[in-house]
PDB file of N, CA and C in Angstrom:
ATOM      1  N   UNK A   1     -18.185  -5.673  15.518  1.00  0.00           N
ATOM      2  CA  UNK A   1     -17.726  -4.999  14.322  1.00  0.00           C
ATOM      3  C   UNK A   1     -18.808  -4.014  13.902  1.00  0.00           C
ATOM      4  N   UNK A   2     -18.392  -2.782  13.624  1.00  0.00           N
ATOM      5  CA  UNK A   2     -19.299  -1.732  13.165  1.00  0.00           C
ATOM      6  C   UNK A   2     -18.696  -1.094  11.925  1.00  0.00           C
ATOM      7  N   UNK A   3     -19.556  -0.653  11.004  1.00  0.00           N
ATOM      8  CA  UNK A   3     -19.079  -0.041   9.768  1.00  0.00           C
ATOM      9  C   UNK A   3     -20.067   1.015   9.306  1.00  0.00           C
ATOM     10  N   UNK A   4     -19.611   1.807   8.362  1.00  0.00           N
ATOM     11  CA  UNK A   4     -20.435   2.809   7.696  1.00  0.00           C
ATOM     12  C   UNK A   4     -20.310   2.604   6.197  1.00  0.00           C
ATOM     13  N   UNK A   5     -21.265   3.120   5.447  1.00  0.00           N
ATOM     14  CA  UNK A   5     -21.175   3.057   3.993  1.00  0.00           C
ATOM     15  C   UNK A   5     -19.912   3.790   3.564  1.00  0.00           C
ATOM     16  N   UNK A   6     -19.159   3.171   2.666  1.00  0.00           N
ATOM     17  CA  UNK A   6     -17.906   3.741   2.182  1.00  0.00           C
ATOM     18  C   UNK A   6     -16.678   3.184   2.868  1.00  0.00           C
ATOM     19  N   UNK A   7     -16.846   2.534   4.022  1.00  0.00           N
ATOM     20  CA  UNK A   7     -15.713   1.882   4.683  1.00  0.00           C
ATOM     21  C   UNK A   7     -15.265   0.692   3.846  1.00  0.00           C
ATOM     22  N   UNK A   8     -14.021   0.283   4.047  1.00  0.00           N
ATOM     23  CA  UNK A   8     -13.492  -0.893   3.358  1.00  0.00           C
ATOM     24  C   UNK A   8     -13.612  -2.103   4.267  1.00  0.00           C
ATOM     25  N   UNK A   9     -14.006  -3.227   3.681  1.00  0.00           N
ATOM     26  CA  UNK A   9     -13.990  -4.503   4.387  1.00  0.00           C
ATOM     27  C   UNK A   9     -12.802  -5.279   3.844  1.00  0.00           C
ATOM     28  N   UNK A  10     -11.903  -5.666   4.723  1.00  0.00           N
ATOM     29  CA  UNK A  10     -10.704  -6.411   4.363  1.00  0.00           C
ATOM     30  C   UNK A  10     -10.867  -7.826   4.898  1.00  0.00           C
ATOM     31  N   UNK A  11     -10.757  -8.807   4.004  1.00  0.00           N
ATOM     32  CA  UNK A  11     -10.812 -10.214   4.408  1.00  0.00           C
ATOM     33  C   UNK A  11      -9.450 -10.812   4.090  1.00  0.00           C
ATOM     34  N   UNK A  12      -8.726 -11.163   5.134  1.00  0.00           N
ATOM     35  CA  UNK A  12      -7.375 -11.711   4.981  1.00  0.00           C
ATOM     36  C   UNK A  12      -7.445 -13.158   4.515  1.00  0.00           C
ATOM     37  N   UNK A  13      -6.517 -13.544   3.646  1.00  0.00           N
ATOM     38  CA  UNK A  13      -6.404 -14.941   3.261  1.00  0.00           C
ATOM     39  C   UNK A  13      -5.917 -15.746   4.456  1.00  0.00           C
ATOM     40  N   UNK A  14      -6.553 -16.870   4.728  1.00  0.00           N
ATOM     41  CA  UNK A  14      -6.178 -17.658   5.902  1.00  0.00           C
ATOM     42  C   UNK A  14      -5.339 -18.884   5.551  1.00  0.00           C
ATOM     43  N   UNK A  15      -5.236 -19.189   4.270  1.00  0.00           N
ATOM     44  CA  UNK A  15      -4.438 -20.338   3.841  1.00  0.00           C
ATOM     45  C   UNK A  15      -3.325 -19.861   2.920  1.00  0.00           C
ATOM     46  N   UNK A  16      -2.287 -20.640   2.834  1.00  0.00           N
ATOM     47  CA  UNK A  16      -1.169 -20.308   1.953  1.00  0.00           C
ATOM     48  C   UNK A  16      -1.678 -20.165   0.520  1.00  0.00           C
ATOM     49  N   UNK A  17      -1.337 -19.076  -0.121  1.00  0.00           N
ATOM     50  CA  UNK A  17      -1.749 -18.853  -1.497  1.00  0.00           C
ATOM     51  C   UNK A  17      -3.035 -18.064  -1.650  1.00  0.00           C
ATOM     52  N   UNK A  18      -3.807 -17.920  -0.582  1.00  0.00           N
ATOM     53  CA  UNK A  18      -5.022 -17.111  -0.657  1.00  0.00           C
ATOM     54  C   UNK A  18      -4.650 -15.641  -0.597  1.00  0.00           C
ATOM     55  N   UNK A  19      -5.351 -14.849  -1.380  1.00  0.00           N
ATOM     56  CA  UNK A  19      -5.069 -13.417  -1.391  1.00  0.00           C
ATOM     57  C   UNK A  19      -6.065 -12.673  -0.517  1.00  0.00           C
ATOM     58  N   UNK A  20      -5.653 -11.519  -0.080  1.00  0.00           N
ATOM     59  CA  UNK A  20      -6.518 -10.623   0.692  1.00  0.00           C
ATOM     60  C   UNK A  20      -7.598 -10.083  -0.249  1.00  0.00           C
ATOM     61  N   UNK A  21      -8.830 -10.048   0.231  1.00  0.00           N
ATOM     62  CA  UNK A  21      -9.934  -9.472  -0.539  1.00  0.00           C
ATOM     63  C   UNK A  21     -10.297  -8.135   0.087  1.00  0.00           C
ATOM     64  N   UNK A  22     -10.491  -7.142  -0.767  1.00  0.00           N
ATOM     65  CA  UNK A  22     -10.845  -5.802  -0.315  1.00  0.00           C
ATOM     66  C   UNK A  22     -12.119  -5.393  -1.029  1.00  0.00           C
ATOM     67  N   UNK A  23     -13.068  -4.901  -0.257  1.00  0.00           N
ATOM     68  CA  UNK A  23     -14.315  -4.425  -0.831  1.00  0.00           C
ATOM     69  C   UNK A  23     -14.779  -3.162  -0.135  1.00  0.00           C
ATOM     70  N   UNK A  24     -15.684  -2.460  -0.795  1.00  0.00           N
ATOM     71  CA  UNK A  24     -16.270  -1.246  -0.237  1.00  0.00           C
ATOM     72  C   UNK A  24     -17.676  -1.578   0.244  1.00  0.00           C
ATOM     73  N   UNK A  25     -17.985  -1.183   1.454  1.00  0.00           N
ATOM     74  CA  UNK A  25     -19.326  -1.403   1.997  1.00  0.00           C
ATOM     75  C   UNK A  25     -20.267  -0.400   1.344  1.00  0.00           C
ATOM     76  N   UNK A  26     -21.257  -0.919   0.610  1.00  0.00           N
ATOM     77  CA  UNK A  26     -22.174  -0.055  -0.137  1.00  0.00           C
ATOM     78  C   UNK A  26     -23.576  -0.021   0.459  1.00  0.00           C
ATOM     79  N   UNK A  27     -23.843  -0.930   1.396  1.00  0.00           N
ATOM     80  CA  UNK A  27     -25.170  -0.948   2.023  1.00  0.00           C
ATOM     81  C   UNK A  27     -25.077  -1.602   3.395  1.00  0.00           C
ATOM     82  N   UNK A  28     -25.772  -0.997   4.351  1.00  0.00           N
ATOM     83  CA  UNK A  28     -25.877  -1.568   5.696  1.00  0.00           C
ATOM     84  C   UNK A  28     -27.256  -2.185   5.848  1.00  0.00           C
ATOM     85  N   UNK A  29     -27.342  -3.292   6.544  1.00  0.00           N
ATOM     86  CA  UNK A  29     -28.631  -3.926   6.804  1.00  0.00           C
ATOM     87  C   UNK A  29     -29.186  -3.550   8.167  1.00  0.00           C
ATOM     88  N   UNK A  30     -28.338  -2.965   9.028  1.00  0.00           N
ATOM     89  CA  UNK A  30     -28.757  -2.548  10.369  1.00  0.00           C
ATOM     90  C   UNK A  30     -28.310  -1.109  10.606  1.00  0.00           C
ATOM     91  N   UNK A  31     -29.168  -0.281  11.197  1.00  0.00           N
ATOM     92  CA  UNK A  31     -28.810   1.124  11.406  1.00  0.00           C
ATOM     93  C   UNK A  31     -27.631   1.343  12.351  1.00  0.00           C
ATOM     94  N   UNK A  32     -27.310   0.358  13.188  1.00  0.00           N
ATOM     95  CA  UNK A  32     -26.181   0.528  14.110  1.00  0.00           C
ATOM     96  C   UNK A  32     -24.834   0.162  13.481  1.00  0.00           C
ATOM     97  N   UNK A  33     -24.820  -0.225  12.198  1.00  0.00           N
ATOM     98  CA  UNK A  33     -23.570  -0.537  11.511  1.00  0.00           C
ATOM     99  C   UNK A  33     -23.052  -1.937  11.735  1.00  0.00           C
ATOM    100  N   UNK A  34     -23.876  -2.797  12.332  1.00  0.00           N
ATOM    101  CA  UNK A  34     -23.445  -4.179  12.553  1.00  0.00           C
ATOM    102  C   UNK A  34     -23.700  -5.018  11.294  1.00  0.00           C
ATOM    103  N   UNK A  35     -22.991  -6.143  11.151  1.00  0.00           N
ATOM    104  CA  UNK A  35     -23.166  -7.014   9.987  1.00  0.00           C
ATOM    105  C   UNK A  35     -24.570  -7.592   9.910  1.00  0.00           C
ATOM    106  N   UNK A  36     -24.951  -8.043   8.728  1.00  0.00           N
ATOM    107  CA  UNK A  36     -24.176  -8.204   7.500  1.00  0.00           C
ATOM    108  C   UNK A  36     -24.093  -6.898   6.707  1.00  0.00           C
ATOM    109  N   UNK A  37     -23.177  -6.901   5.724  1.00  0.00           N
ATOM    110  CA  UNK A  37     -22.961  -5.753   4.853  1.00  0.00           C
ATOM    111  C   UNK A  37     -23.087  -6.188   3.401  1.00  0.00           C
ATOM    112  N   UNK A  38     -23.561  -5.271   2.558  1.00  0.00           N
ATOM    113  CA  UNK A  38     -23.468  -5.485   1.121  1.00  0.00           C
ATOM    114  C   UNK A  38     -22.147  -4.849   0.700  1.00  0.00           C
ATOM    115  N   UNK A  39     -21.298  -5.655   0.058  1.00  0.00           N
ATOM    116  CA  UNK A  39     -19.940  -5.236  -0.281  1.00  0.00           C
ATOM    117  C   UNK A  39     -19.734  -5.341  -1.785  1.00  0.00           C
ATOM    118  N   UNK A  40     -19.144  -4.280  -2.368  1.00  0.00           N
ATOM    119  CA  UNK A  40     -18.697  -4.334  -3.764  1.00  0.00           C
ATOM    120  C   UNK A  40     -17.198  -4.615  -3.727  1.00  0.00           C
ATOM    121  N   UNK A  41     -16.818  -5.747  -4.299  1.00  0.00           N
ATOM    122  CA  UNK A  41     -15.424  -6.196  -4.231  1.00  0.00           C
ATOM    123  C   UNK A  41     -14.571  -5.484  -5.264  1.00  0.00           C
ATOM    124  N   UNK A  42     -13.406  -5.014  -4.840  1.00  0.00           N
ATOM    125  CA  UNK A  42     -12.467  -4.362  -5.745  1.00  0.00           C
ATOM    126  C   UNK A  42     -11.849  -5.423  -6.648  1.00  0.00           C
ATOM    127  N   UNK A  43     -11.664  -5.075  -7.902  1.00  0.00           N
ATOM    128  CA  UNK A  43     -11.088  -6.011  -8.850  1.00  0.00           C
ATOM    129  C   UNK A  43     -12.109  -6.984  -9.408  1.00  0.00           C
ATOM    130  N   UNK A  44     -13.333  -6.895  -8.954  1.00  0.00           N
ATOM    131  CA  UNK A  44     -14.420  -7.741  -9.452  1.00  0.00           C
ATOM    132  C   UNK A  44     -15.630  -6.837  -9.647  1.00  0.00           C
ATOM    133  N   UNK A  45     -16.470  -7.198 -10.548  1.00  0.00           N
ATOM    134  CA  UNK A  45     -17.621  -6.353 -10.828  1.00  0.00           C
ATOM    135  C   UNK A  45     -18.885  -6.984 -10.252  1.00  0.00           C
ATOM    136  N   UNK A  46     -18.864  -7.240  -8.949  1.00  0.00           N
ATOM    137  CA  UNK A  46     -20.064  -7.792  -8.329  1.00  0.00           C
ATOM    138  C   UNK A  46     -20.142  -7.380  -6.865  1.00  0.00           C
ATOM    139  N   UNK A  47     -21.342  -7.498  -6.341  1.00  0.00           N
ATOM    140  CA  UNK A  47     -21.600  -7.216  -4.930  1.00  0.00           C
ATOM    141  C   UNK A  47     -22.092  -8.494  -4.278  1.00  0.00           C
ATOM    142  N   UNK A  48     -21.858  -8.597  -2.969  1.00  0.00           N
ATOM    143  CA  UNK A  48     -22.366  -9.752  -2.240  1.00  0.00           C
ATOM    144  C   UNK A  48     -22.721  -9.350  -0.818  1.00  0.00           C
ATOM    145  N   UNK A  49     -23.632 -10.114  -0.230  1.00  0.00           N
ATOM    146  CA  UNK A  49     -24.004  -9.930   1.167  1.00  0.00           C
ATOM    147  C   UNK A  49     -22.987 -10.699   1.999  1.00  0.00           C
ATOM    148  N   UNK A  50     -22.341  -9.999   2.944  1.00  0.00           N
ATOM    149  CA  UNK A  50     -21.230 -10.593   3.683  1.00  0.00           C
ATOM    150  C   UNK A  50     -21.519 -10.596   5.179  1.00  0.00           C
ATOM    151  N   UNK A  51     -21.337 -11.747   5.779  1.00  0.00           N
ATOM    152  CA  UNK A  51     -21.349 -11.912   7.229  1.00  0.00           C
ATOM    153  C   UNK A  51     -19.884 -12.123   7.609  1.00  0.00           C
ATOM    154  N   UNK A  52     -19.152 -11.061   7.987  1.00  0.00           N
ATOM    155  CA  UNK A  52     -17.710 -11.175   8.197  1.00  0.00           C
ATOM    156  C   UNK A  52     -17.349 -12.164   9.302  1.00  0.00           C
ATOM    157  N   UNK A  53     -16.293 -12.913   9.046  1.00  0.00           N
ATOM    158  CA  UNK A  53     -15.774 -13.849  10.036  1.00  0.00           C
ATOM    159  C   UNK A  53     -14.597 -13.244  10.780  1.00  0.00           C
ATOM    160  N   UNK A  54     -13.880 -14.066  11.550  1.00  0.00           N
ATOM    161  CA  UNK A  54     -12.764 -13.569  12.354  1.00  0.00           C
ATOM    162  C   UNK A  54     -11.566 -13.113  11.524  1.00  0.00           C
ATOM    163  N   UNK A  55     -11.538 -13.468  10.241  1.00  0.00           N
ATOM    164  CA  UNK A  55     -10.436 -13.061   9.367  1.00  0.00           C
ATOM    165  C   UNK A  55     -10.700 -11.721   8.684  1.00  0.00           C
ATOM    166  N   UNK A  56     -11.785 -11.037   9.067  1.00  0.00           N
ATOM    167  CA  UNK A  56     -12.167  -9.775   8.428  1.00  0.00           C
ATOM    168  C   UNK A  56     -12.048  -8.611   9.400  1.00  0.00           C
ATOM    169  N   UNK A  57     -11.775  -7.433   8.838  1.00  0.00           N
ATOM    170  CA  UNK A  57     -11.789  -6.212   9.632  1.00  0.00           C
ATOM    171  C   UNK A  57     -12.217  -5.041   8.750  1.00  0.00           C
ATOM    172  N   UNK A  58     -12.678  -3.982   9.392  1.00  0.00           N
ATOM    173  CA  UNK A  58     -13.170  -2.793   8.705  1.00  0.00           C
ATOM    174  C   UNK A  58     -12.130  -1.693   8.828  1.00  0.00           C
ATOM    175  N   UNK A  59     -11.894  -0.996   7.712  1.00  0.00           N
ATOM    176  CA  UNK A  59     -11.034   0.189   7.718  1.00  0.00           C
ATOM    177  C   UNK A  59     -11.888   1.384   7.325  1.00  0.00           C
ATOM    178  N   UNK A  60     -11.924   2.370   8.189  1.00  0.00           N
ATOM    179  CA  UNK A  60     -12.676   3.586   7.886  1.00  0.00           C
ATOM    180  C   UNK A  60     -11.837   4.485   6.997  1.00  0.00           C
ATOM    181  N   UNK A  61     -12.473   5.480   6.400  1.00  0.00           N
ATOM    182  CA  UNK A  61     -11.773   6.393   5.500  1.00  0.00           C
ATOM    183  C   UNK A  61     -10.527   6.999   6.106  1.00  0.00           C
ATOM    184  N   UNK A  62     -10.562   7.385   7.375  1.00  0.00           N
ATOM    185  CA  UNK A  62      -9.422   8.007   8.024  1.00  0.00           C
ATOM    186  C   UNK A  62      -8.273   7.062   8.292  1.00  0.00           C
ATOM    187  N   UNK A  63      -8.532   5.739   8.266  1.00  0.00           N
ATOM    188  CA  UNK A  63      -7.485   4.755   8.555  1.00  0.00           C
ATOM    189  C   UNK A  63      -6.932   4.082   7.312  1.00  0.00           C
ATOM    190  N   UNK A  64      -7.364   4.516   6.133  1.00  0.00           N
ATOM    191  CA  UNK A  64      -6.929   3.855   4.915  1.00  0.00           C
ATOM    192  C   UNK A  64      -5.537   4.310   4.502  1.00  0.00           C
ATOM    193  N   UNK A  65      -4.738   3.400   3.940  1.00  0.00           N
ATOM    194  CA  UNK A  65      -3.463   3.812   3.364  1.00  0.00           C
ATOM    195  C   UNK A  65      -3.711   4.812   2.234  1.00  0.00           C
ATOM    196  N   UNK A  66      -2.720   5.655   1.933  1.00  0.00           N
ATOM    197  CA  UNK A  66      -2.893   6.706   0.931  1.00  0.00           C
ATOM    198  C   UNK A  66      -3.399   6.178  -0.401  1.00  0.00           C
ATOM    199  N   UNK A  67      -2.846   5.053  -0.882  1.00  0.00           N
ATOM    200  CA  UNK A  67      -3.258   4.555  -2.194  1.00  0.00           C
ATOM    201  C   UNK A  67      -4.724   4.129  -2.201  1.00  0.00           C
ATOM    202  N   UNK A  68      -5.242   3.653  -1.079  1.00  0.00           N
ATOM    203  CA  UNK A  68      -6.654   3.292  -0.988  1.00  0.00           C
ATOM    204  C   UNK A  68      -7.521   4.537  -0.845  1.00  0.00           C
ATOM    205  N   UNK A  69      -7.071   5.514  -0.067  1.00  0.00           N
ATOM    206  CA  UNK A  69      -7.850   6.718   0.182  1.00  0.00           C
ATOM    207  C   UNK A  69      -8.025   7.529  -1.099  1.00  0.00           C
ATOM    208  N   UNK A  70      -7.035   7.464  -2.012  1.00  0.00           N
ATOM    209  CA  UNK A  70      -7.071   8.274  -3.218  1.00  0.00           C
ATOM    210  C   UNK A  70      -7.819   7.623  -4.367  1.00  0.00           C
ATOM    211  N   UNK A  71      -8.283   6.407  -4.196  1.00  0.00           N
ATOM    212  CA  UNK A  71      -9.072   5.755  -5.248  1.00  0.00           C
ATOM    213  C   UNK A  71     -10.425   6.423  -5.363  1.00  0.00           C
ATOM    214  N   UNK A  72     -10.976   6.391  -6.562  1.00  0.00           N
ATOM    215  CA  UNK A  72     -12.306   6.970  -6.770  1.00  0.00           C
ATOM    216  C   UNK A  72     -13.316   6.195  -5.946  1.00  0.00           C
ATOM    217  N   UNK A  73     -14.204   6.888  -5.251  1.00  0.00           N
ATOM    218  CA  UNK A  73     -15.200   6.189  -4.442  1.00  0.00           C
ATOM    219  C   UNK A  73     -16.208   5.459  -5.315  1.00  0.00           C
ATOM    220  N   UNK A  74     -16.744   4.396  -4.786  1.00  0.00           N
ATOM    221  CA  UNK A  74     -17.817   3.668  -5.454  1.00  0.00           C
ATOM    222  C   UNK A  74     -19.118   4.204  -4.899  1.00  0.00           C
ATOM    223  N   UNK A  75     -19.982   4.637  -5.772  1.00  0.00           N
ATOM    224  CA  UNK A  75     -21.251   5.205  -5.318  1.00  0.00           C
ATOM    225  C   UNK A  75     -22.368   4.200  -5.505  1.00  0.00           C
ATOM    226  N   UNK A  76     -23.397   4.344  -4.718  1.00  0.00           N
ATOM    227  CA  UNK A  76     -24.558   3.468  -4.840  1.00  0.00           C
ATOM    228  C   UNK A  76     -25.683   4.239  -5.501  1.00  0.00           C
ATOM    229  N   UNK A  77     -26.548   3.546  -6.225  1.00  0.00           N
ATOM    230  CA  UNK A  77     -27.650   4.242  -6.910  1.00  0.00           C
ATOM    231  C   UNK A  77     -28.644   4.836  -5.939  1.00  0.00           C
TER     232      UNK A  77
END
């Protein structure tokens, strides 16, 4: 898995009733874009260090659905 700052990290719910979590990658820990990532979660006002599991995937800006692409970007200080 490789990512860039600004890509979305999608974590699918794996159990009945779990919701999909979507976050924006705001910091990379490795220059090659490999995990872990610092992610700011949409709908929540916090960031966390994430080691993505098999239920996660990255969506780059060009692959985002229109409603996601048109959201205001989250900037890092």
